[in-house]
């Protein structure tokens, strides 16, 4: 997995945790940290997490061979 794939997956997981907090406890962690849902920085965080989630769709449909990198041995 490349660095951008790991970053996107991490951001998607953070977003999922935030949605879980909203669903179970009615607590929006991003809004609490960055000054409410309407704050500009909160909206940027939501947008970045959303883009990361969209990028993770491409990871879902990649063949297993592309995800697992096996180092080649020299002959």
PDB file of N, CA and C in Angstrom:
ATOM      1  N   UNK A   1       0.840  -1.164   0.000  1.00  0.00           N
ATOM      2  CA  UNK A   1       0.000   0.000   0.000  1.00  0.00           C
ATOM      3  C   UNK A   1       0.894   1.238   0.000  1.00  0.00           C
ATOM      4  N   UNK A   2       0.569   2.200  -0.838  1.00  0.00           N
ATOM      5  CA  UNK A   2       1.384   3.413  -0.915  1.00  0.00           C
ATOM      6  C   UNK A   2       1.042   4.363   0.228  1.00  0.00           C
ATOM      7  N   UNK A   3       1.854   5.375   0.367  1.00  0.00           N
ATOM      8  CA  UNK A   3       1.646   6.354   1.425  1.00  0.00           C
ATOM      9  C   UNK A   3       0.332   7.097   1.290  1.00  0.00           C
ATOM     10  N   UNK A   4      -0.043   7.438   0.064  1.00  0.00           N
ATOM     11  CA  UNK A   4      -1.308   8.161  -0.137  1.00  0.00           C
ATOM     12  C   UNK A   4      -2.501   7.271   0.183  1.00  0.00           C
ATOM     13  N   UNK A   5      -2.373   5.977  -0.105  1.00  0.00           N
ATOM     14  CA  UNK A   5      -3.452   5.046   0.227  1.00  0.00           C
ATOM     15  C   UNK A   5      -3.593   4.897   1.737  1.00  0.00           C
ATOM     16  N   UNK A   6      -2.489   4.804   2.434  1.00  0.00           N
ATOM     17  CA  UNK A   6      -2.523   4.710   3.900  1.00  0.00           C
ATOM     18  C   UNK A   6      -3.107   5.979   4.513  1.00  0.00           C
ATOM     19  N   UNK A   7      -2.722   7.133   3.982  1.00  0.00           N
ATOM     20  CA  UNK A   7      -3.239   8.403   4.484  1.00  0.00           C
ATOM     21  C   UNK A   7      -4.735   8.501   4.258  1.00  0.00           C
ATOM     22  N   UNK A   8      -5.183   8.141   3.063  1.00  0.00           N
ATOM     23  CA  UNK A   8      -6.612   8.188   2.750  1.00  0.00           C
ATOM     24  C   UNK A   8      -7.390   7.232   3.645  1.00  0.00           C
ATOM     25  N   UNK A   9      -6.853   6.057   3.859  1.00  0.00           N
ATOM     26  CA  UNK A   9      -7.527   5.079   4.719  1.00  0.00           C
ATOM     27  C   UNK A   9      -7.591   5.571   6.164  1.00  0.00           C
ATOM     28  N   UNK A  10      -6.518   6.175   6.638  1.00  0.00           N
ATOM     29  CA  UNK A  10      -6.501   6.731   7.997  1.00  0.00           C
ATOM     30  C   UNK A  10      -7.545   7.832   8.144  1.00  0.00           C
ATOM     31  N   UNK A  11      -7.617   8.736   7.168  1.00  0.00           N
ATOM     32  CA  UNK A  11      -8.604   9.811   7.225  1.00  0.00           C
ATOM     33  C   UNK A  11     -10.031   9.261   7.160  1.00  0.00           C
ATOM     34  N   UNK A  12     -10.240   8.234   6.354  1.00  0.00           N
ATOM     35  CA  UNK A  12     -11.573   7.629   6.271  1.00  0.00           C
ATOM     36  C   UNK A  12     -11.957   6.978   7.604  1.00  0.00           C
ATOM     37  N   UNK A  13     -10.997   6.372   8.271  1.00  0.00           N
ATOM     38  CA  UNK A  13     -11.257   5.768   9.575  1.00  0.00           C
ATOM     39  C   UNK A  13     -11.587   6.850  10.598  1.00  0.00           C
ATOM     40  N   UNK A  14     -10.853   7.955  10.573  1.00  0.00           N
ATOM     41  CA  UNK A  14     -11.147   9.076  11.469  1.00  0.00           C
ATOM     42  C   UNK A  14     -12.566   9.588  11.226  1.00  0.00           C
ATOM     43  N   UNK A  15     -12.941   9.702   9.954  1.00  0.00           N
ATOM     44  CA  UNK A  15     -14.298  10.133   9.619  1.00  0.00           C
ATOM     45  C   UNK A  15     -15.344   9.148  10.119  1.00  0.00           C
ATOM     46  N   UNK A  16     -15.046   7.869  10.001  1.00  0.00           N
ATOM     47  CA  UNK A  16     -15.989   6.847  10.472  1.00  0.00           C
ATOM     48  C   UNK A  16     -16.149   6.911  11.993  1.00  0.00           C
ATOM     49  N   UNK A  17     -15.050   7.146  12.687  1.00  0.00           N
ATOM     50  CA  UNK A  17     -15.135   7.281  14.144  1.00  0.00           C
ATOM     51  C   UNK A  17     -15.973   8.499  14.502  1.00  0.00           C
ATOM     52  N   UNK A  18     -15.782   9.606  13.784  1.00  0.00           N
ATOM     53  CA  UNK A  18     -16.572  10.806  14.045  1.00  0.00           C
ATOM     54  C   UNK A  18     -18.057  10.542  13.798  1.00  0.00           C
ATOM     55  N   UNK A  19     -18.390   9.859  12.709  1.00  0.00           N
ATOM     56  CA  UNK A  19     -19.792   9.530  12.433  1.00  0.00           C
ATOM     57  C   UNK A  19     -20.348   8.589  13.498  1.00  0.00           C
ATOM     58  N   UNK A  20     -19.538   7.678  13.999  1.00  0.00           N
ATOM     59  CA  UNK A  20     -19.982   6.806  15.085  1.00  0.00           C
ATOM     60  C   UNK A  20     -20.299   7.595  16.341  1.00  0.00           C
ATOM     61  N   UNK A  21     -19.444   8.566  16.653  1.00  0.00           N
ATOM     62  CA  UNK A  21     -19.699   9.422  17.814  1.00  0.00           C
ATOM     63  C   UNK A  21     -20.984  10.223  17.641  1.00  0.00           C
ATOM     64  N   UNK A  22     -21.216  10.708  16.422  1.00  0.00           N
ATOM     65  CA  UNK A  22     -22.445  11.461  16.150  1.00  0.00           C
ATOM     66  C   UNK A  22     -23.656  10.542  16.297  1.00  0.00           C
ATOM     67  N   UNK A  23     -23.575   9.357  15.746  1.00  0.00           N
ATOM     68  CA  UNK A  23     -24.701   8.431  15.779  1.00  0.00           C
ATOM     69  C   UNK A  23     -25.038   7.916  17.167  1.00  0.00           C
ATOM     70  N   UNK A  24     -24.008   7.577  17.931  1.00  0.00           N
ATOM     71  CA  UNK A  24     -24.252   6.985  19.244  1.00  0.00           C
ATOM     72  C   UNK A  24     -24.446   8.018  20.360  1.00  0.00           C
ATOM     73  N   UNK A  25     -23.709   9.119  20.278  1.00  0.00           N
ATOM     74  CA  UNK A  25     -23.686  10.052  21.404  1.00  0.00           C
ATOM     75  C   UNK A  25     -24.088  11.487  21.047  1.00  0.00           C
ATOM     76  N   UNK A  26     -24.435  11.726  19.778  1.00  0.00           N
ATOM     77  CA  UNK A  26     -24.761  13.075  19.297  1.00  0.00           C
ATOM     78  C   UNK A  26     -23.629  14.058  19.600  1.00  0.00           C
ATOM     79  N   UNK A  27     -22.406  13.590  19.419  1.00  0.00           N
ATOM     80  CA  UNK A  27     -21.226  14.406  19.679  1.00  0.00           C
ATOM     81  C   UNK A  27     -20.361  14.449  18.426  1.00  0.00           C
ATOM     82  N   UNK A  28     -20.169  15.640  17.880  1.00  0.00           N
ATOM     83  CA  UNK A  28     -19.344  15.836  16.686  1.00  0.00           C
ATOM     84  C   UNK A  28     -17.965  16.286  17.145  1.00  0.00           C
ATOM     85  N   UNK A  29     -17.007  15.378  17.130  1.00  0.00           N
ATOM     86  CA  UNK A  29     -15.665  15.661  17.617  1.00  0.00           C
ATOM     87  C   UNK A  29     -14.972  16.734  16.794  1.00  0.00           C
ATOM     88  N   UNK A  30     -15.112  16.682  15.477  1.00  0.00           N
ATOM     89  CA  UNK A  30     -14.479  17.679  14.608  1.00  0.00           C
ATOM     90  C   UNK A  30     -15.019  19.070  14.928  1.00  0.00           C
ATOM     91  N   UNK A  31     -16.333  19.189  15.068  1.00  0.00           N
ATOM     92  CA  UNK A  31     -16.933  20.482  15.389  1.00  0.00           C
ATOM     93  C   UNK A  31     -16.489  20.958  16.768  1.00  0.00           C
ATOM     94  N   UNK A  32     -16.367  20.041  17.714  1.00  0.00           N
ATOM     95  CA  UNK A  32     -15.942  20.416  19.063  1.00  0.00           C
ATOM     96  C   UNK A  32     -14.506  20.925  19.077  1.00  0.00           C
ATOM     97  N   UNK A  33     -13.647  20.314  18.285  1.00  0.00           N
ATOM     98  CA  UNK A  33     -12.236  20.706  18.270  1.00  0.00           C
ATOM     99  C   UNK A  33     -12.015  21.997  17.489  1.00  0.00           C
ATOM    100  N   UNK A  34     -12.706  22.136  16.351  1.00  0.00           N
ATOM    101  CA  UNK A  34     -12.397  23.232  15.431  1.00  0.00           C
ATOM    102  C   UNK A  34     -13.430  24.349  15.408  1.00  0.00           C
ATOM    103  N   UNK A  35     -14.326  24.434  16.386  1.00  0.00           N
ATOM    104  CA  UNK A  35     -15.180  25.598  16.514  1.00  0.00           C
ATOM    105  C   UNK A  35     -16.540  25.529  15.868  1.00  0.00           C
ATOM    106  N   UNK A  36     -17.133  24.365  15.786  1.00  0.00           N
ATOM    107  CA  UNK A  36     -18.481  24.226  15.247  1.00  0.00           C
ATOM    108  C   UNK A  36     -18.489  23.770  13.803  1.00  0.00           C
ATOM    109  N   UNK A  37     -19.650  23.277  13.368  1.00  0.00           N
ATOM    110  CA  UNK A  37     -19.765  22.739  12.011  1.00  0.00           C
ATOM    111  C   UNK A  37     -19.643  23.803  10.940  1.00  0.00           C
ATOM    112  N   UNK A  38     -20.031  25.037  11.244  1.00  0.00           N
ATOM    113  CA  UNK A  38     -20.002  26.100  10.243  1.00  0.00           C
ATOM    114  C   UNK A  38     -18.645  26.789  10.152  1.00  0.00           C
ATOM    115  N   UNK A  39     -17.727  26.492  11.058  1.00  0.00           N
ATOM    116  CA  UNK A  39     -16.403  27.107  11.021  1.00  0.00           C
ATOM    117  C   UNK A  39     -15.664  26.666   9.765  1.00  0.00           C
ATOM    118  N   UNK A  40     -14.904  27.581   9.204  1.00  0.00           N
ATOM    119  CA  UNK A  40     -14.213  27.310   7.940  1.00  0.00           C
ATOM    120  C   UNK A  40     -13.268  26.118   8.055  1.00  0.00           C
ATOM    121  N   UNK A  41     -12.512  26.043   9.144  1.00  0.00           N
ATOM    122  CA  UNK A  41     -11.556  24.943   9.278  1.00  0.00           C
ATOM    123  C   UNK A  41     -12.262  23.607   9.435  1.00  0.00           C
ATOM    124  N   UNK A  42     -13.385  23.579  10.127  1.00  0.00           N
ATOM    125  CA  UNK A  42     -14.161  22.342  10.250  1.00  0.00           C
ATOM    126  C   UNK A  42     -14.642  21.873   8.887  1.00  0.00           C
ATOM    127  N   UNK A  43     -15.102  22.805   8.080  1.00  0.00           N
ATOM    128  CA  UNK A  43     -15.576  22.446   6.738  1.00  0.00           C
ATOM    129  C   UNK A  43     -14.443  21.902   5.882  1.00  0.00           C
ATOM    130  N   UNK A  44     -13.243  22.443   6.049  1.00  0.00           N
ATOM    131  CA  UNK A  44     -12.078  21.930   5.320  1.00  0.00           C
ATOM    132  C   UNK A  44     -11.779  20.501   5.765  1.00  0.00           C
ATOM    133  N   UNK A  45     -11.831  20.242   7.057  1.00  0.00           N
ATOM    134  CA  UNK A  45     -11.592  18.886   7.572  1.00  0.00           C
ATOM    135  C   UNK A  45     -12.627  17.918   7.021  1.00  0.00           C
ATOM    136  N   UNK A  46     -13.918  18.324   7.045  1.00  0.00           N
ATOM    137  CA  UNK A  46     -14.974  17.465   6.497  1.00  0.00           C
ATOM    138  C   UNK A  46     -14.720  17.177   5.018  1.00  0.00           C
ATOM    139  N   UNK A  47     -14.308  18.183   4.270  1.00  0.00           N
ATOM    140  CA  UNK A  47     -14.058  17.998   2.837  1.00  0.00           C
ATOM    141  C   UNK A  47     -12.883  17.052   2.593  1.00  0.00           C
ATOM    142  N   UNK A  48     -11.816  17.206   3.354  1.00  0.00           N
ATOM    143  CA  UNK A  48     -10.641  16.337   3.192  1.00  0.00           C
ATOM    144  C   UNK A  48     -10.993  14.891   3.527  1.00  0.00           C
ATOM    145  N   UNK A  49     -11.736  14.692   4.598  1.00  0.00           N
ATOM    146  CA  UNK A  49     -12.149  13.335   4.977  1.00  0.00           C
ATOM    147  C   UNK A  49     -13.064  12.745   3.900  1.00  0.00           C
ATOM    148  N   UNK A  50     -13.952  13.560   3.350  1.00  0.00           N
ATOM    149  CA  UNK A  50     -14.829  13.093   2.273  1.00  0.00           C
ATOM    150  C   UNK A  50     -14.055  12.689   1.030  1.00  0.00           C
ATOM    151  N   UNK A  51     -13.062  13.489   0.653  1.00  0.00           N
ATOM    152  CA  UNK A  51     -12.222  13.142  -0.499  1.00  0.00           C
ATOM    153  C   UNK A  51     -11.424  11.875  -0.241  1.00  0.00           C
ATOM    154  N   UNK A  52     -10.954  11.716   0.980  1.00  0.00           N
ATOM    155  CA  UNK A  52     -10.222  10.493   1.326  1.00  0.00           C
ATOM    156  C   UNK A  52     -11.124   9.273   1.210  1.00  0.00           C
ATOM    157  N   UNK A  53     -12.374   9.421   1.634  1.00  0.00           N
ATOM    158  CA  UNK A  53     -13.323   8.314   1.495  1.00  0.00           C
ATOM    159  C   UNK A  53     -13.566   7.952   0.044  1.00  0.00           C
ATOM    160  N   UNK A  54     -13.688   8.960  -0.800  1.00  0.00           N
ATOM    161  CA  UNK A  54     -13.863   8.696  -2.234  1.00  0.00           C
ATOM    162  C   UNK A  54     -12.642   8.006  -2.818  1.00  0.00           C
ATOM    163  N   UNK A  55     -11.462   8.420  -2.395  1.00  0.00           N
ATOM    164  CA  UNK A  55     -10.247   7.780  -2.881  1.00  0.00           C
ATOM    165  C   UNK A  55     -10.173   6.317  -2.433  1.00  0.00           C
ATOM    166  N   UNK A  56     -10.679   6.025  -1.239  1.00  0.00           N
ATOM    167  CA  UNK A  56     -10.654   4.647  -0.732  1.00  0.00           C
ATOM    168  C   UNK A  56     -11.509   3.705  -1.581  1.00  0.00           C
ATOM    169  N   UNK A  57     -12.451   4.250  -2.324  1.00  0.00           N
ATOM    170  CA  UNK A  57     -13.227   3.410  -3.242  1.00  0.00           C
ATOM    171  C   UNK A  57     -12.301   2.772  -4.261  1.00  0.00           C
ATOM    172  N   UNK A  58     -11.289   3.520  -4.716  1.00  0.00           N
ATOM    173  CA  UNK A  58     -10.345   2.949  -5.689  1.00  0.00           C
ATOM    174  C   UNK A  58      -9.532   1.820  -5.073  1.00  0.00           C
ATOM    175  N   UNK A  59      -9.241   1.907  -3.787  1.00  0.00           N
ATOM    176  CA  UNK A  59      -8.503   0.833  -3.107  1.00  0.00           C
ATOM    177  C   UNK A  59      -9.359  -0.434  -3.059  1.00  0.00           C
ATOM    178  N   UNK A  60     -10.647  -0.266  -2.887  1.00  0.00           N
ATOM    179  CA  UNK A  60     -11.560  -1.397  -2.788  1.00  0.00           C
ATOM    180  C   UNK A  60     -11.550  -2.252  -4.052  1.00  0.00           C
ATOM    181  N   UNK A  61     -11.407  -1.617  -5.205  1.00  0.00           N
ATOM    182  CA  UNK A  61     -11.503  -2.344  -6.469  1.00  0.00           C
ATOM    183  C   UNK A  61     -10.154  -2.691  -7.084  1.00  0.00           C
ATOM    184  N   UNK A  62      -9.049  -2.453  -6.375  1.00  0.00           N
ATOM    185  CA  UNK A  62      -7.740  -2.826  -6.910  1.00  0.00           C
ATOM    186  C   UNK A  62      -7.526  -4.321  -6.751  1.00  0.00           C
ATOM    187  N   UNK A  63      -6.903  -4.930  -7.724  1.00  0.00           N
ATOM    188  CA  UNK A  63      -6.574  -6.354  -7.574  1.00  0.00           C
ATOM    189  C   UNK A  63      -5.607  -6.553  -6.412  1.00  0.00           C
ATOM    190  N   UNK A  64      -5.687  -7.704  -5.775  1.00  0.00           N
ATOM    191  CA  UNK A  64      -4.837  -7.999  -4.624  1.00  0.00           C
ATOM    192  C   UNK A  64      -3.355  -7.910  -4.970  1.00  0.00           C
ATOM    193  N   UNK A  65      -3.000  -8.238  -6.201  1.00  0.00           N
ATOM    194  CA  UNK A  65      -1.598  -8.225  -6.600  1.00  0.00           C
ATOM    195  C   UNK A  65      -1.015  -6.823  -6.524  1.00  0.00           C
ATOM    196  N   UNK A  66      -1.832  -5.804  -6.795  1.00  0.00           N
ATOM    197  CA  UNK A  66      -1.329  -4.441  -6.756  1.00  0.00           C
ATOM    198  C   UNK A  66      -1.201  -3.932  -5.329  1.00  0.00           C
ATOM    199  N   UNK A  67      -1.982  -4.443  -4.409  1.00  0.00           N
ATOM    200  CA  UNK A  67      -1.941  -3.971  -3.030  1.00  0.00           C
ATOM    201  C   UNK A  67      -0.779  -4.561  -2.258  1.00  0.00           C
ATOM    202  N   UNK A  68      -0.430  -5.793  -2.549  1.00  0.00           N
ATOM    203  CA  UNK A  68       0.658  -6.464  -1.844  1.00  0.00           C
ATOM    204  C   UNK A  68       1.929  -6.345  -2.660  1.00  0.00           C
ATOM    205  N   UNK A  69       2.891  -5.668  -2.110  1.00  0.00           N
ATOM    206  CA  UNK A  69       4.165  -5.516  -2.795  1.00  0.00           C
ATOM    207  C   UNK A  69       5.157  -6.514  -2.216  1.00  0.00           C
ATOM    208  N   UNK A  70       5.617  -7.404  -3.041  1.00  0.00           N
ATOM    209  CA  UNK A  70       6.600  -8.385  -2.619  1.00  0.00           C
ATOM    210  C   UNK A  70       7.934  -7.955  -3.210  1.00  0.00           C
ATOM    211  N   UNK A  71       8.945  -7.757  -2.365  1.00  0.00           N
ATOM    212  CA  UNK A  71      10.248  -7.337  -2.906  1.00  0.00           C
ATOM    213  C   UNK A  71      10.832  -8.438  -3.780  1.00  0.00           C
ATOM    214  N   UNK A  72      11.345  -8.016  -4.915  1.00  0.00           N
ATOM    215  CA  UNK A  72      11.942  -8.968  -5.855  1.00  0.00           C
ATOM    216  C   UNK A  72      13.357  -9.292  -5.404  1.00  0.00           C
ATOM    217  N   UNK A  73      13.705 -10.553  -5.487  1.00  0.00           N
ATOM    218  CA  UNK A  73      15.065 -10.955  -5.135  1.00  0.00           C
ATOM    219  C   UNK A  73      15.937 -10.841  -6.355  1.00  0.00           C
ATOM    220  N   UNK A  74      17.171 -10.448  -6.133  1.00  0.00           N
ATOM    221  CA  UNK A  74      18.108 -10.339  -7.265  1.00  0.00           C
ATOM    222  C   UNK A  74      18.690 -11.706  -7.574  1.00  0.00           C
ATOM    223  N   UNK A  75      18.845 -11.976  -8.856  1.00  0.00           N
ATOM    224  CA  UNK A  75      19.367 -13.276  -9.289  1.00  0.00           C
ATOM    225  C   UNK A  75      20.826 -13.206  -9.576  1.00  0.00           C
TER     226      UNK A  75
END
